[in-house]
Amino acid sequence: MPKLPVVSGKEAVKAFAKIGYRPDHQTGSHIILRHVNEPHRRLSVPNHREISKGLLHDLIKEAGLTVEEFIELL
């Protein structure tokens, strides 16, 4: 399994947008993404300069991606 890259919140939002997640709203420093197709899954991405490895791994898993697929989206 490849190592997780160091990404910012904005980079993660751009990557998730490529698979159908769109910004729904922002609460504080967290951008809430919502998938355009049913069942309209949501992701909460912190708008920080660097997302921690554990959180990034959880977001990738929640989006139904593998680390390799996520890296290709960047």
PDB file of N, CA and C in Angstrom:
ATOM      1  N   MET A   1       0.847  -1.167   0.000  1.00  0.00           N
ATOM      2  CA  MET A   1       0.000   0.000   0.000  1.00  0.00           C
ATOM      3  C   MET A   1       0.899   1.239   0.000  1.00  0.00           C
ATOM      4  N   PRO A   2       0.652   2.175  -0.905  1.00  0.00           N
ATOM      5  CA  PRO A   2       1.481   3.379  -0.942  1.00  0.00           C
ATOM      6  C   PRO A   2       1.221   4.278   0.261  1.00  0.00           C
ATOM      7  N   LYS A   3       2.206   5.124   0.540  1.00  0.00           N
ATOM      8  CA  LYS A   3       2.071   6.049   1.655  1.00  0.00           C
ATOM      9  C   LYS A   3       1.044   7.126   1.323  1.00  0.00           C
ATOM     10  N   LEU A   4       0.349   7.578   2.351  1.00  0.00           N
ATOM     11  CA  LEU A   4      -0.604   8.666   2.167  1.00  0.00           C
ATOM     12  C   LEU A   4       0.147   9.966   1.898  1.00  0.00           C
ATOM     13  N   PRO A   5      -0.306  10.731   0.926  1.00  0.00           N
ATOM     14  CA  PRO A   5       0.353  12.016   0.663  1.00  0.00           C
ATOM     15  C   PRO A   5      -0.061  13.059   1.695  1.00  0.00           C
ATOM     16  N   VAL A   6       0.712  14.111   1.793  1.00  0.00           N
ATOM     17  CA  VAL A   6       0.366  15.241   2.649  1.00  0.00           C
ATOM     18  C   VAL A   6      -0.472  16.184   1.796  1.00  0.00           C
ATOM     19  N   VAL A   7      -1.730  16.378   2.178  1.00  0.00           N
ATOM     20  CA  VAL A   7      -2.621  17.240   1.394  1.00  0.00           C
ATOM     21  C   VAL A   7      -3.303  18.247   2.297  1.00  0.00           C
ATOM     22  N   SER A   8      -3.686  19.358   1.697  1.00  0.00           N
ATOM     23  CA  SER A   8      -4.446  20.373   2.425  1.00  0.00           C
ATOM     24  C   SER A   8      -5.931  20.075   2.271  1.00  0.00           C
ATOM     25  N   GLY A   9      -6.745  20.803   3.001  1.00  0.00           N
ATOM     26  CA  GLY A   9      -8.191  20.633   2.894  1.00  0.00           C
ATOM     27  C   GLY A   9      -8.693  20.977   1.500  1.00  0.00           C
ATOM     28  N   LYS A  10      -8.157  22.041   0.917  1.00  0.00           N
ATOM     29  CA  LYS A  10      -8.596  22.450  -0.423  1.00  0.00           C
ATOM     30  C   LYS A  10      -8.218  21.407  -1.474  1.00  0.00           C
ATOM     31  N   GLU A  11      -7.037  20.808  -1.345  1.00  0.00           N
ATOM     32  CA  GLU A  11      -6.631  19.762  -2.286  1.00  0.00           C
ATOM     33  C   GLU A  11      -7.529  18.540  -2.161  1.00  0.00           C
ATOM     34  N   ALA A  12      -7.899  18.189  -0.932  1.00  0.00           N
ATOM     35  CA  ALA A  12      -8.785  17.045  -0.717  1.00  0.00           C
ATOM     36  C   ALA A  12     -10.166  17.323  -1.303  1.00  0.00           C
ATOM     37  N   VAL A  13     -10.671  18.548  -1.136  1.00  0.00           N
ATOM     38  CA  VAL A  13     -11.981  18.905  -1.694  1.00  0.00           C
ATOM     39  C   VAL A  13     -11.957  18.783  -3.218  1.00  0.00           C
ATOM     40  N   LYS A  14     -10.881  19.241  -3.853  1.00  0.00           N
ATOM     41  CA  LYS A  14     -10.763  19.143  -5.314  1.00  0.00           C
ATOM     42  C   LYS A  14     -10.732  17.684  -5.769  1.00  0.00           C
ATOM     43  N   ALA A  15     -10.018  16.837  -5.016  1.00  0.00           N
ATOM     44  CA  ALA A  15      -9.941  15.420  -5.373  1.00  0.00           C
ATOM     45  C   ALA A  15     -11.304  14.748  -5.229  1.00  0.00           C
ATOM     46  N   PHE A  16     -12.010  15.018  -4.129  1.00  0.00           N
ATOM     47  CA  PHE A  16     -13.324  14.410  -3.930  1.00  0.00           C
ATOM     48  C   PHE A  16     -14.350  14.951  -4.921  1.00  0.00           C
ATOM     49  N   ALA A  17     -14.158  16.165  -5.399  1.00  0.00           N
ATOM     50  CA  ALA A  17     -15.070  16.732  -6.404  1.00  0.00           C
ATOM     51  C   ALA A  17     -15.010  15.942  -7.706  1.00  0.00           C
ATOM     52  N   LYS A  18     -13.877  15.334  -7.993  1.00  0.00           N
ATOM     53  CA  LYS A  18     -13.719  14.561  -9.227  1.00  0.00           C
ATOM     54  C   LYS A  18     -14.555  13.284  -9.231  1.00  0.00           C
ATOM     55  N   ILE A  19     -14.992  12.834  -8.043  1.00  0.00           N
ATOM     56  CA  ILE A  19     -15.824  11.626  -7.986  1.00  0.00           C
ATOM     57  C   ILE A  19     -17.260  11.946  -7.597  1.00  0.00           C
ATOM     58  N   GLY A  20     -17.639  13.235  -7.666  1.00  0.00           N
ATOM     59  CA  GLY A  20     -19.040  13.578  -7.482  1.00  0.00           C
ATOM     60  C   GLY A  20     -19.408  14.259  -6.189  1.00  0.00           C
ATOM     61  N   TYR A  21     -18.442  14.593  -5.335  1.00  0.00           N
ATOM     62  CA  TYR A  21     -18.753  15.316  -4.102  1.00  0.00           C
ATOM     63  C   TYR A  21     -18.709  16.813  -4.380  1.00  0.00           C
ATOM     64  N   ARG A  22     -19.717  17.529  -3.914  1.00  0.00           N
ATOM     65  CA  ARG A  22     -19.814  18.976  -4.104  1.00  0.00           C
ATOM     66  C   ARG A  22     -19.945  19.654  -2.745  1.00  0.00           C
ATOM     67  N   PRO A  23     -19.360  20.847  -2.590  1.00  0.00           N
ATOM     68  CA  PRO A  23     -19.517  21.565  -1.316  1.00  0.00           C
ATOM     69  C   PRO A  23     -20.992  21.859  -1.044  1.00  0.00           C
ATOM     70  N   ASP A  24     -21.454  21.482   0.131  1.00  0.00           N
ATOM     71  CA  ASP A  24     -22.838  21.723   0.539  1.00  0.00           C
ATOM     72  C   ASP A  24     -22.902  22.986   1.384  1.00  0.00           C
ATOM     73  N   HIS A  25     -22.048  23.056   2.404  1.00  0.00           N
ATOM     74  CA  HIS A  25     -21.950  24.243   3.241  1.00  0.00           C
ATOM     75  C   HIS A  25     -20.664  24.168   4.046  1.00  0.00           C
ATOM     76  N   GLN A  26     -20.393  25.208   4.781  1.00  0.00           N
ATOM     77  CA  GLN A  26     -19.205  25.238   5.629  1.00  0.00           C
ATOM     78  C   GLN A  26     -19.614  25.611   7.037  1.00  0.00           C
ATOM     79  N   THR A  27     -19.129  24.838   7.996  1.00  0.00           N
ATOM     80  CA  THR A  27     -19.379  25.107   9.403  1.00  0.00           C
ATOM     81  C   THR A  27     -18.025  25.335  10.060  1.00  0.00           C
ATOM     82  N   GLY A  28     -17.753  26.565  10.431  1.00  0.00           N
ATOM     83  CA  GLY A  28     -16.447  26.881  11.000  1.00  0.00           C
ATOM     84  C   GLY A  28     -15.373  26.646   9.958  1.00  0.00           C
ATOM     85  N   SER A  29     -14.375  25.832  10.305  1.00  0.00           N
ATOM     86  CA  SER A  29     -13.293  25.551   9.369  1.00  0.00           C
ATOM     87  C   SER A  29     -13.504  24.246   8.602  1.00  0.00           C
ATOM     88  N   HIS A  30     -14.683  23.635   8.726  1.00  0.00           N
ATOM     89  CA  HIS A  30     -14.947  22.368   8.049  1.00  0.00           C
ATOM     90  C   HIS A  30     -15.881  22.573   6.850  1.00  0.00           C
ATOM     91  N   ILE A  31     -15.444  22.047   5.715  1.00  0.00           N
ATOM     92  CA  ILE A  31     -16.249  22.088   4.497  1.00  0.00           C
ATOM     93  C   ILE A  31     -17.035  20.785   4.431  1.00  0.00           C
ATOM     94  N   ILE A  32     -18.340  20.886   4.340  1.00  0.00           N
ATOM     95  CA  ILE A  32     -19.200  19.713   4.272  1.00  0.00           C
ATOM     96  C   ILE A  32     -19.475  19.432   2.797  1.00  0.00           C
ATOM     97  N   LEU A  33     -19.038  18.246   2.341  1.00  0.00           N
ATOM     98  CA  LEU A  33     -19.256  17.837   0.962  1.00  0.00           C
ATOM     99  C   LEU A  33     -20.420  16.867   0.912  1.00  0.00           C
ATOM    100  N   ARG A  34     -21.183  16.930  -0.159  1.00  0.00           N
ATOM    101  CA  ARG A  34     -22.313  16.034  -0.334  1.00  0.00           C
ATOM    102  C   ARG A  34     -22.235  15.431  -1.726  1.00  0.00           C
ATOM    103  N   HIS A  35     -22.427  14.117  -1.815  1.00  0.00           N
ATOM    104  CA  HIS A  35     -22.366  13.436  -3.107  1.00  0.00           C
ATOM    105  C   HIS A  35     -23.611  13.765  -3.919  1.00  0.00           C
ATOM    106  N   VAL A  36     -23.447  13.954  -5.223  1.00  0.00           N
ATOM    107  CA  VAL A  36     -24.558  14.376  -6.070  1.00  0.00           C
ATOM    108  C   VAL A  36     -25.562  13.254  -6.316  1.00  0.00           C
ATOM    109  N   ASN A  37     -25.148  12.002  -6.220  1.00  0.00           N
ATOM    110  CA  ASN A  37     -26.046  10.866  -6.462  1.00  0.00           C
ATOM    111  C   ASN A  37     -26.516  10.259  -5.148  1.00  0.00           C
ATOM    112  N   GLU A  38     -27.625   9.527  -5.231  1.00  0.00           N
ATOM    113  CA  GLU A  38     -28.130   8.813  -4.062  1.00  0.00           C
ATOM    114  C   GLU A  38     -27.049   7.871  -3.563  1.00  0.00           C
ATOM    115  N   PRO A  39     -26.881   7.661  -2.309  1.00  0.00           N
ATOM    116  CA  PRO A  39     -27.646   8.108  -1.159  1.00  0.00           C
ATOM    117  C   PRO A  39     -27.145   9.422  -0.565  1.00  0.00           C
ATOM    118  N   HIS A  40     -26.511  10.273  -1.343  1.00  0.00           N
ATOM    119  CA  HIS A  40     -26.050  11.600  -0.925  1.00  0.00           C
ATOM    120  C   HIS A  40     -25.170  11.544   0.315  1.00  0.00           C
ATOM    121  N   ARG A  41     -24.121  10.753   0.233  1.00  0.00           N
ATOM    122  CA  ARG A  41     -23.196  10.653   1.364  1.00  0.00           C
ATOM    123  C   ARG A  41     -22.530  12.000   1.630  1.00  0.00           C
ATOM    124  N   ARG A  42     -22.123  12.214   2.876  1.00  0.00           N
ATOM    125  CA  ARG A  42     -21.484  13.469   3.264  1.00  0.00           C
ATOM    126  C   ARG A  42     -20.086  13.210   3.799  1.00  0.00           C
ATOM    127  N   LEU A  43     -19.198  14.143   3.525  1.00  0.00           N
ATOM    128  CA  LEU A  43     -17.852  14.128   4.079  1.00  0.00           C
ATOM    129  C   LEU A  43     -17.604  15.483   4.731  1.00  0.00           C
ATOM    130  N   SER A  44     -16.951  15.479   5.857  1.00  0.00           N
ATOM    131  CA  SER A  44     -16.598  16.718   6.544  1.00  0.00           C
ATOM    132  C   SER A  44     -15.081  16.874   6.465  1.00  0.00           C
ATOM    133  N   VAL A  45     -14.631  17.813   5.622  1.00  0.00           N
ATOM    134  CA  VAL A  45     -13.207  18.002   5.380  1.00  0.00           C
ATOM    135  C   VAL A  45     -12.747  19.287   6.064  1.00  0.00           C
ATOM    136  N   PRO A  46     -11.759  19.195   6.964  1.00  0.00           N
ATOM    137  CA  PRO A  46     -11.269  20.413   7.602  1.00  0.00           C
ATOM    138  C   PRO A  46     -10.484  21.258   6.598  1.00  0.00           C
ATOM    139  N   ASN A  47     -10.722  22.543   6.600  1.00  0.00           N
ATOM    140  CA  ASN A  47     -10.035  23.449   5.688  1.00  0.00           C
ATOM    141  C   ASN A  47      -8.726  23.897   6.328  1.00  0.00           C
ATOM    142  N   HIS A  48      -7.806  22.946   6.507  1.00  0.00           N
ATOM    143  CA  HIS A  48      -6.520  23.206   7.140  1.00  0.00           C
ATOM    144  C   HIS A  48      -5.412  23.076   6.103  1.00  0.00           C
ATOM    145  N   ARG A  49      -4.243  23.587   6.457  1.00  0.00           N
ATOM    146  CA  ARG A  49      -3.111  23.491   5.527  1.00  0.00           C
ATOM    147  C   ARG A  49      -2.662  22.054   5.351  1.00  0.00           C
ATOM    148  N   GLU A  50      -2.836  21.245   6.377  1.00  0.00           N
ATOM    149  CA  GLU A  50      -2.429  19.844   6.308  1.00  0.00           C
ATOM    150  C   GLU A  50      -3.441  18.997   7.069  1.00  0.00           C
ATOM    151  N   ILE A  51      -3.960  17.965   6.406  1.00  0.00           N
ATOM    152  CA  ILE A  51      -4.898  17.039   7.041  1.00  0.00           C
ATOM    153  C   ILE A  51      -4.084  15.890   7.623  1.00  0.00           C
ATOM    154  N   SER A  52      -4.390  15.500   8.850  1.00  0.00           N
ATOM    155  CA  SER A  52      -3.644  14.420   9.494  1.00  0.00           C
ATOM    156  C   SER A  52      -3.836  13.119   8.725  1.00  0.00           C
ATOM    157  N   LYS A  53      -2.848  12.256   8.829  1.00  0.00           N
ATOM    158  CA  LYS A  53      -2.868  10.980   8.090  1.00  0.00           C
ATOM    159  C   LYS A  53      -4.078  10.131   8.466  1.00  0.00           C
ATOM    160  N   GLY A  54      -4.392  10.056   9.755  1.00  0.00           N
ATOM    161  CA  GLY A  54      -5.517   9.229  10.199  1.00  0.00           C
ATOM    162  C   GLY A  54      -6.840   9.734   9.668  1.00  0.00           C
ATOM    163  N   LEU A  55      -7.045  11.042   9.728  1.00  0.00           N
ATOM    164  CA  LEU A  55      -8.288  11.620   9.219  1.00  0.00           C
ATOM    165  C   LEU A  55      -8.387  11.446   7.715  1.00  0.00           C
ATOM    166  N   LEU A  56      -7.283  11.671   7.004  1.00  0.00           N
ATOM    167  CA  LEU A  56      -7.301  11.501   5.552  1.00  0.00           C
ATOM    168  C   LEU A  56      -7.636  10.063   5.184  1.00  0.00           C
ATOM    169  N   HIS A  57      -7.065   9.113   5.899  1.00  0.00           N
ATOM    170  CA  HIS A  57      -7.362   7.706   5.638  1.00  0.00           C
ATOM    171  C   HIS A  57      -8.840   7.417   5.873  1.00  0.00           C
ATOM    172  N   ASP A  58      -9.409   7.965   6.941  1.00  0.00           N
ATOM    173  CA  ASP A  58     -10.829   7.771   7.235  1.00  0.00           C
ATOM    174  C   ASP A  58     -11.712   8.390   6.154  1.00  0.00           C
ATOM    175  N   LEU A  59     -11.353   9.584   5.669  1.00  0.00           N
ATOM    176  CA  LEU A  59     -12.136  10.239   4.606  1.00  0.00           C
ATOM    177  C   LEU A  59     -12.095   9.426   3.318  1.00  0.00           C
ATOM    178  N   ILE A  60     -10.928   8.907   2.986  1.00  0.00           N
ATOM    179  CA  ILE A  60     -10.781   8.095   1.768  1.00  0.00           C
ATOM    180  C   ILE A  60     -11.652   6.848   1.877  1.00  0.00           C
ATOM    181  N   LYS A  61     -11.604   6.202   3.025  1.00  0.00           N
ATOM    182  CA  LYS A  61     -12.393   4.991   3.256  1.00  0.00           C
ATOM    183  C   LYS A  61     -13.892   5.297   3.209  1.00  0.00           C
ATOM    184  N   GLU A  62     -14.292   6.404   3.833  1.00  0.00           N
ATOM    185  CA  GLU A  62     -15.701   6.787   3.858  1.00  0.00           C
ATOM    186  C   GLU A  62     -16.226   7.119   2.455  1.00  0.00           C
ATOM    187  N   ALA A  63     -15.345   7.629   1.597  1.00  0.00           N
ATOM    188  CA  ALA A  63     -15.738   7.953   0.225  1.00  0.00           C
ATOM    189  C   ALA A  63     -15.773   6.702  -0.658  1.00  0.00           C
ATOM    190  N   GLY A  64     -15.342   5.571  -0.133  1.00  0.00           N
ATOM    191  CA  GLY A  64     -15.368   4.329  -0.898  1.00  0.00           C
ATOM    192  C   GLY A  64     -14.199   4.185  -1.847  1.00  0.00           C
ATOM    193  N   LEU A  65     -13.094   4.828  -1.525  1.00  0.00           N
ATOM    194  CA  LEU A  65     -11.909   4.776  -2.372  1.00  0.00           C
ATOM    195  C   LEU A  65     -10.794   3.994  -1.689  1.00  0.00           C
ATOM    196  N   THR A  66      -9.808   3.603  -2.487  1.00  0.00           N
ATOM    197  CA  THR A  66      -8.566   3.076  -1.933  1.00  0.00           C
ATOM    198  C   THR A  66      -7.558   4.209  -1.947  1.00  0.00           C
ATOM    199  N   VAL A  67      -6.464   4.027  -1.251  1.00  0.00           N
ATOM    200  CA  VAL A  67      -5.422   5.061  -1.218  1.00  0.00           C
ATOM    201  C   VAL A  67      -4.888   5.299  -2.631  1.00  0.00           C
ATOM    202  N   GLU A  68      -4.714   4.228  -3.394  1.00  0.00           N
ATOM    203  CA  GLU A  68      -4.211   4.352  -4.759  1.00  0.00           C
ATOM    204  C   GLU A  68      -5.156   5.185  -5.623  1.00  0.00           C
ATOM    205  N   GLU A  69      -6.458   4.933  -5.490  1.00  0.00           N
ATOM    206  CA  GLU A  69      -7.444   5.688  -6.270  1.00  0.00           C
ATOM    207  C   GLU A  69      -7.434   7.170  -5.889  1.00  0.00           C
ATOM    208  N   PHE A  70      -7.284   7.438  -4.584  1.00  0.00           N
ATOM    209  CA  PHE A  70      -7.250   8.818  -4.127  1.00  0.00           C
ATOM    210  C   PHE A  70      -6.026   9.542  -4.675  1.00  0.00           C
ATOM    211  N   ILE A  71      -4.883   8.883  -4.655  1.00  0.00           N
ATOM    212  CA  ILE A  71      -3.655   9.482  -5.163  1.00  0.00           C
ATOM    213  C   ILE A  71      -3.801   9.833  -6.644  1.00  0.00           C
ATOM    214  N   GLU A  72      -4.477   8.979  -7.406  1.00  0.00           N
ATOM    215  CA  GLU A  72      -4.700   9.259  -8.828  1.00  0.00           C
ATOM    216  C   GLU A  72      -5.576  10.487  -9.033  1.00  0.00           C
ATOM    217  N   LEU A  73      -6.482  10.771  -8.089  1.00  0.00           N
ATOM    218  CA  LEU A  73      -7.364  11.928  -8.208  1.00  0.00           C
ATOM    219  C   LEU A  73      -6.641  13.252  -7.937  1.00  0.00           C
ATOM    220  N   LEU A  74      -5.515  13.185  -7.235  1.00  0.00           N
ATOM    221  CA  LEU A  74      -4.784  14.417  -6.888  1.00  0.00           C
ATOM    222  C   LEU A  74      -4.130  15.029  -8.076  1.00  0.00           C
TER     223      LEU A  74
END
